[in-house]
N, C-alpha and C. Protein backbone atom coordinates (compact mmCIF):
# COMPACT_ATOMS: atom_id res chain seq x y z
N UNK A 1 286.38 26.98 87.45
CA UNK A 1 286.03 28.31 86.99
C UNK A 1 287.30 28.98 86.48
N UNK A 2 287.23 29.46 85.24
CA UNK A 2 288.42 30.09 84.69
C UNK A 2 288.48 31.57 85.08
N UNK A 3 289.55 32.21 84.68
CA UNK A 3 289.80 33.60 85.10
C UNK A 3 288.74 34.56 84.55
N UNK A 4 288.29 34.32 83.33
CA UNK A 4 287.30 35.22 82.73
C UNK A 4 285.96 35.13 83.47
N UNK A 5 285.54 33.93 83.83
CA UNK A 5 284.30 33.76 84.58
C UNK A 5 284.41 34.41 85.96
N UNK A 6 285.55 34.27 86.60
CA UNK A 6 285.77 34.86 87.91
C UNK A 6 285.70 36.39 87.81
N UNK A 7 286.29 36.94 86.76
CA UNK A 7 286.27 38.39 86.58
C UNK A 7 284.83 38.87 86.36
N UNK A 8 284.02 38.13 85.62
CA UNK A 8 282.64 38.53 85.36
C UNK A 8 281.80 38.51 86.64
N UNK A 9 282.05 37.57 87.52
CA UNK A 9 281.27 37.50 88.76
C UNK A 9 281.66 38.61 89.72
N UNK A 10 282.87 39.13 89.63
CA UNK A 10 283.32 40.19 90.53
C UNK A 10 283.06 41.59 90.00
N UNK A 11 282.64 41.71 88.73
CA UNK A 11 282.41 43.02 88.16
C UNK A 11 281.15 43.65 88.75
N UNK A 12 281.21 44.95 88.93
CA UNK A 12 280.08 45.71 89.43
C UNK A 12 279.35 46.29 88.23
N UNK A 13 278.03 46.28 88.28
CA UNK A 13 277.24 46.88 87.22
C UNK A 13 277.48 48.38 87.22
N UNK A 14 278.14 48.87 86.21
CA UNK A 14 278.53 50.28 86.18
C UNK A 14 277.35 51.21 85.93
N UNK A 15 276.27 50.73 85.34
CA UNK A 15 275.09 51.55 85.10
C UNK A 15 274.21 51.64 86.35
N UNK A 16 274.26 50.64 87.20
CA UNK A 16 273.48 50.60 88.44
C UNK A 16 274.37 50.19 89.61
N UNK A 17 275.26 51.07 90.05
CA UNK A 17 276.15 50.71 91.16
C UNK A 17 275.34 50.39 92.41
N UNK A 18 275.68 49.32 93.11
CA UNK A 18 274.88 48.91 94.28
C UNK A 18 274.77 49.99 95.34
N UNK A 19 275.83 50.75 95.56
CA UNK A 19 275.79 51.80 96.58
C UNK A 19 274.77 52.87 96.20
N UNK A 20 274.78 53.31 94.94
CA UNK A 20 273.84 54.33 94.48
C UNK A 20 272.41 53.81 94.56
N UNK A 21 272.21 52.57 94.19
CA UNK A 21 270.87 51.97 94.23
C UNK A 21 270.34 51.95 95.67
N UNK A 22 271.19 51.59 96.63
CA UNK A 22 270.77 51.57 98.03
C UNK A 22 270.41 52.96 98.53
N UNK A 23 271.22 53.95 98.19
CA UNK A 23 270.96 55.32 98.62
C UNK A 23 269.64 55.82 98.03
N UNK A 24 269.45 55.61 96.74
CA UNK A 24 268.22 56.06 96.08
C UNK A 24 267.02 55.31 96.63
N UNK A 25 267.18 54.04 96.92
CA UNK A 25 266.09 53.25 97.50
C UNK A 25 265.67 53.81 98.85
N UNK A 26 266.63 54.08 99.72
CA UNK A 26 266.31 54.61 101.05
C UNK A 26 265.75 56.03 100.97
N UNK A 27 266.41 56.91 100.22
CA UNK A 27 265.92 58.29 100.10
C UNK A 27 264.56 58.33 99.42
N UNK A 28 264.38 57.48 98.41
CA UNK A 28 263.11 57.43 97.70
C UNK A 28 261.97 56.96 98.58
N UNK A 29 262.21 55.91 99.35
CA UNK A 29 261.16 55.40 100.25
C UNK A 29 260.81 56.45 101.31
N UNK A 30 261.81 57.12 101.87
CA UNK A 30 261.54 58.16 102.86
C UNK A 30 260.75 59.32 102.25
N UNK A 31 261.11 59.74 101.05
CA UNK A 31 260.41 60.85 100.39
C UNK A 31 258.98 60.44 100.05
N UNK A 32 258.78 59.21 99.60
CA UNK A 32 257.43 58.73 99.26
C UNK A 32 256.56 58.67 100.50
N UNK A 33 257.10 58.12 101.59
CA UNK A 33 256.31 58.04 102.83
C UNK A 33 255.99 59.44 103.37
N UNK A 34 256.93 60.37 103.25
CA UNK A 34 256.68 61.74 103.69
C UNK A 34 255.57 62.38 102.85
N UNK A 35 255.63 62.21 101.54
CA UNK A 35 254.60 62.76 100.67
C UNK A 35 253.24 62.15 100.97
N UNK A 36 253.19 60.84 101.17
CA UNK A 36 251.92 60.18 101.47
C UNK A 36 251.34 60.69 102.80
N UNK A 37 252.20 60.93 103.78
CA UNK A 37 251.75 61.49 105.05
C UNK A 37 251.15 62.88 104.84
N UNK A 38 251.80 63.68 104.01
CA UNK A 38 251.30 65.02 103.73
C UNK A 38 249.98 64.98 102.96
N UNK A 39 249.78 63.92 102.18
CA UNK A 39 248.53 63.74 101.45
C UNK A 39 247.47 63.04 102.31
N UNK A 40 247.78 62.81 103.57
CA UNK A 40 246.91 62.16 104.56
C UNK A 40 246.54 60.74 104.15
N UNK A 41 247.50 60.04 103.57
CA UNK A 41 247.34 58.63 103.23
C UNK A 41 248.25 57.86 104.17
N UNK A 42 247.68 57.46 105.29
CA UNK A 42 248.50 56.90 106.37
C UNK A 42 248.68 55.39 106.29
N UNK A 43 247.73 54.68 105.68
CA UNK A 43 247.78 53.22 105.68
C UNK A 43 247.95 52.72 104.24
N UNK A 44 249.15 52.85 103.72
CA UNK A 44 249.45 52.45 102.35
C UNK A 44 250.17 51.10 102.40
N UNK A 45 249.76 50.20 101.53
CA UNK A 45 250.35 48.86 101.55
C UNK A 45 251.79 48.90 101.03
N UNK A 46 252.60 47.98 101.48
CA UNK A 46 253.99 47.91 101.01
C UNK A 46 254.08 47.68 99.49
N UNK A 47 253.09 47.03 98.91
CA UNK A 47 253.09 46.78 97.47
C UNK A 47 252.99 48.11 96.72
N UNK A 48 252.15 49.01 97.20
CA UNK A 48 251.99 50.32 96.56
C UNK A 48 253.31 51.10 96.64
N UNK A 49 253.94 51.08 97.79
CA UNK A 49 255.22 51.79 97.95
C UNK A 49 256.28 51.18 97.03
N UNK A 50 256.30 49.85 96.92
CA UNK A 50 257.27 49.18 96.05
C UNK A 50 257.05 49.60 94.59
N UNK A 51 255.79 49.69 94.17
CA UNK A 51 255.49 50.12 92.80
C UNK A 51 255.92 51.56 92.57
N UNK A 52 255.72 52.40 93.57
CA UNK A 52 256.13 53.80 93.45
C UNK A 52 257.64 53.91 93.34
N UNK A 53 258.36 53.08 94.07
CA UNK A 53 259.83 53.08 94.01
C UNK A 53 260.30 52.63 92.64
N UNK A 54 259.66 51.59 92.10
CA UNK A 54 260.03 51.13 90.75
C UNK A 54 259.79 52.23 89.71
N UNK A 55 258.68 52.95 89.86
CA UNK A 55 258.38 54.05 88.94
C UNK A 55 259.42 55.16 89.09
N UNK A 56 259.86 55.41 90.32
CA UNK A 56 260.90 56.41 90.58
C UNK A 56 262.20 56.01 89.88
N UNK A 57 262.61 54.74 90.01
CA UNK A 57 263.84 54.28 89.35
C UNK A 57 263.73 54.42 87.84
N UNK A 58 262.58 54.07 87.29
CA UNK A 58 262.39 54.18 85.84
C UNK A 58 262.48 55.64 85.41
N UNK A 59 261.88 56.53 86.17
CA UNK A 59 261.93 57.96 85.88
C UNK A 59 263.37 58.49 85.93
N UNK A 60 264.12 58.08 86.96
CA UNK A 60 265.50 58.54 87.09
C UNK A 60 266.37 58.02 85.94
N UNK A 61 266.16 56.76 85.55
CA UNK A 61 266.94 56.20 84.44
C UNK A 61 266.62 56.93 83.14
N UNK A 62 265.33 57.26 82.92
CA UNK A 62 264.95 57.97 81.70
C UNK A 62 265.47 59.41 81.72
N UNK A 63 265.44 60.04 82.87
CA UNK A 63 265.85 61.44 82.97
C UNK A 63 267.36 61.63 82.89
N UNK A 64 268.13 60.73 83.49
CA UNK A 64 269.57 60.91 83.61
C UNK A 64 270.40 59.90 82.82
N UNK A 65 269.75 58.99 82.11
CA UNK A 65 270.48 58.01 81.31
C UNK A 65 270.78 56.73 82.04
N UNK A 66 271.16 56.81 83.29
CA UNK A 66 271.39 55.64 84.13
C UNK A 66 271.43 56.08 85.58
N UNK A 67 271.34 55.11 86.47
CA UNK A 67 271.39 55.40 87.91
C UNK A 67 272.75 55.97 88.28
N UNK A 68 273.78 55.55 87.59
CA UNK A 68 275.14 56.05 87.88
C UNK A 68 275.26 57.55 87.61
N UNK A 69 274.46 58.08 86.69
CA UNK A 69 274.54 59.51 86.35
C UNK A 69 273.77 60.40 87.30
N UNK A 70 272.93 59.85 88.15
CA UNK A 70 272.10 60.67 89.04
C UNK A 70 272.97 61.51 89.95
N UNK A 71 274.03 60.94 90.48
CA UNK A 71 274.92 61.67 91.40
C UNK A 71 275.53 62.90 90.71
N UNK A 72 275.78 62.82 89.41
CA UNK A 72 276.38 63.93 88.69
C UNK A 72 275.46 65.16 88.66
N UNK A 73 274.16 64.95 88.76
CA UNK A 73 273.20 66.04 88.68
C UNK A 73 272.78 66.57 90.05
N UNK A 74 273.28 65.97 91.11
CA UNK A 74 272.91 66.43 92.45
C UNK A 74 273.74 67.66 92.81
N UNK A 75 273.12 68.55 93.54
CA UNK A 75 273.81 69.75 94.00
C UNK A 75 274.32 69.48 95.40
N UNK A 76 275.59 69.22 95.54
CA UNK A 76 276.17 68.92 96.84
C UNK A 76 276.42 67.44 97.00
N UNK A 77 276.61 67.04 98.24
CA UNK A 77 277.00 65.67 98.55
C UNK A 77 275.80 64.72 98.69
N UNK A 78 274.62 65.25 98.94
CA UNK A 78 273.47 64.42 99.22
C UNK A 78 272.58 64.27 97.99
N UNK A 79 272.03 63.08 97.81
CA UNK A 79 271.07 62.84 96.74
C UNK A 79 269.64 63.15 97.17
N UNK A 80 269.43 63.34 98.47
CA UNK A 80 268.08 63.48 98.99
C UNK A 80 267.27 64.60 98.33
N UNK A 81 267.80 65.82 98.16
CA UNK A 81 266.98 66.86 97.53
C UNK A 81 266.55 66.50 96.11
N UNK A 82 267.44 65.89 95.35
CA UNK A 82 267.13 65.50 93.99
C UNK A 82 266.06 64.41 93.97
N UNK A 83 266.19 63.43 94.85
CA UNK A 83 265.22 62.33 94.92
C UNK A 83 263.87 62.85 95.39
N UNK A 84 263.86 63.72 96.38
CA UNK A 84 262.61 64.29 96.89
C UNK A 84 261.91 65.08 95.79
N UNK A 85 262.66 65.84 95.04
CA UNK A 85 262.08 66.60 93.94
C UNK A 85 261.46 65.67 92.90
N UNK A 86 262.13 64.58 92.58
CA UNK A 86 261.60 63.62 91.61
C UNK A 86 260.31 62.97 92.13
N UNK A 87 260.28 62.63 93.43
CA UNK A 87 259.09 62.02 94.03
C UNK A 87 257.92 62.97 93.97
N UNK A 88 258.14 64.23 94.32
CA UNK A 88 257.06 65.23 94.29
C UNK A 88 256.59 65.47 92.85
N UNK A 89 257.53 65.42 91.90
CA UNK A 89 257.17 65.59 90.50
C UNK A 89 256.29 64.43 90.01
N UNK A 90 256.64 63.21 90.41
CA UNK A 90 255.89 62.04 89.97
C UNK A 90 254.56 61.85 90.68
N UNK A 91 254.54 62.03 91.98
CA UNK A 91 253.38 61.61 92.77
C UNK A 91 252.66 62.74 93.47
N UNK A 92 253.19 63.95 93.42
CA UNK A 92 252.53 65.08 94.07
C UNK A 92 251.26 65.48 93.33
N UNK A 93 250.45 66.27 93.98
CA UNK A 93 249.23 66.76 93.35
C UNK A 93 249.60 67.65 92.16
N UNK A 94 248.88 67.46 91.10
CA UNK A 94 249.15 68.23 89.88
C UNK A 94 248.24 69.43 89.81
């Protein structure tokens, strides 16, 4: 393996940093489960939750340009309020 290949394997995806993806995944799943509880939907399959999370990621990428930009639009240190707002916007009662 040459130096260029080694550098490519060690590079982090700057548009989707792993740390940001993990935080959004956890906050998103918690917000989705909370919303579903409030909508009295207690027995939702993991497949449905996974699809909702994918839709959330797509919405965030379209709204902010990339996952890396989401942190720039958060008010304060936590992403949770921003993610919760996005979940309620996408899946809340209209």
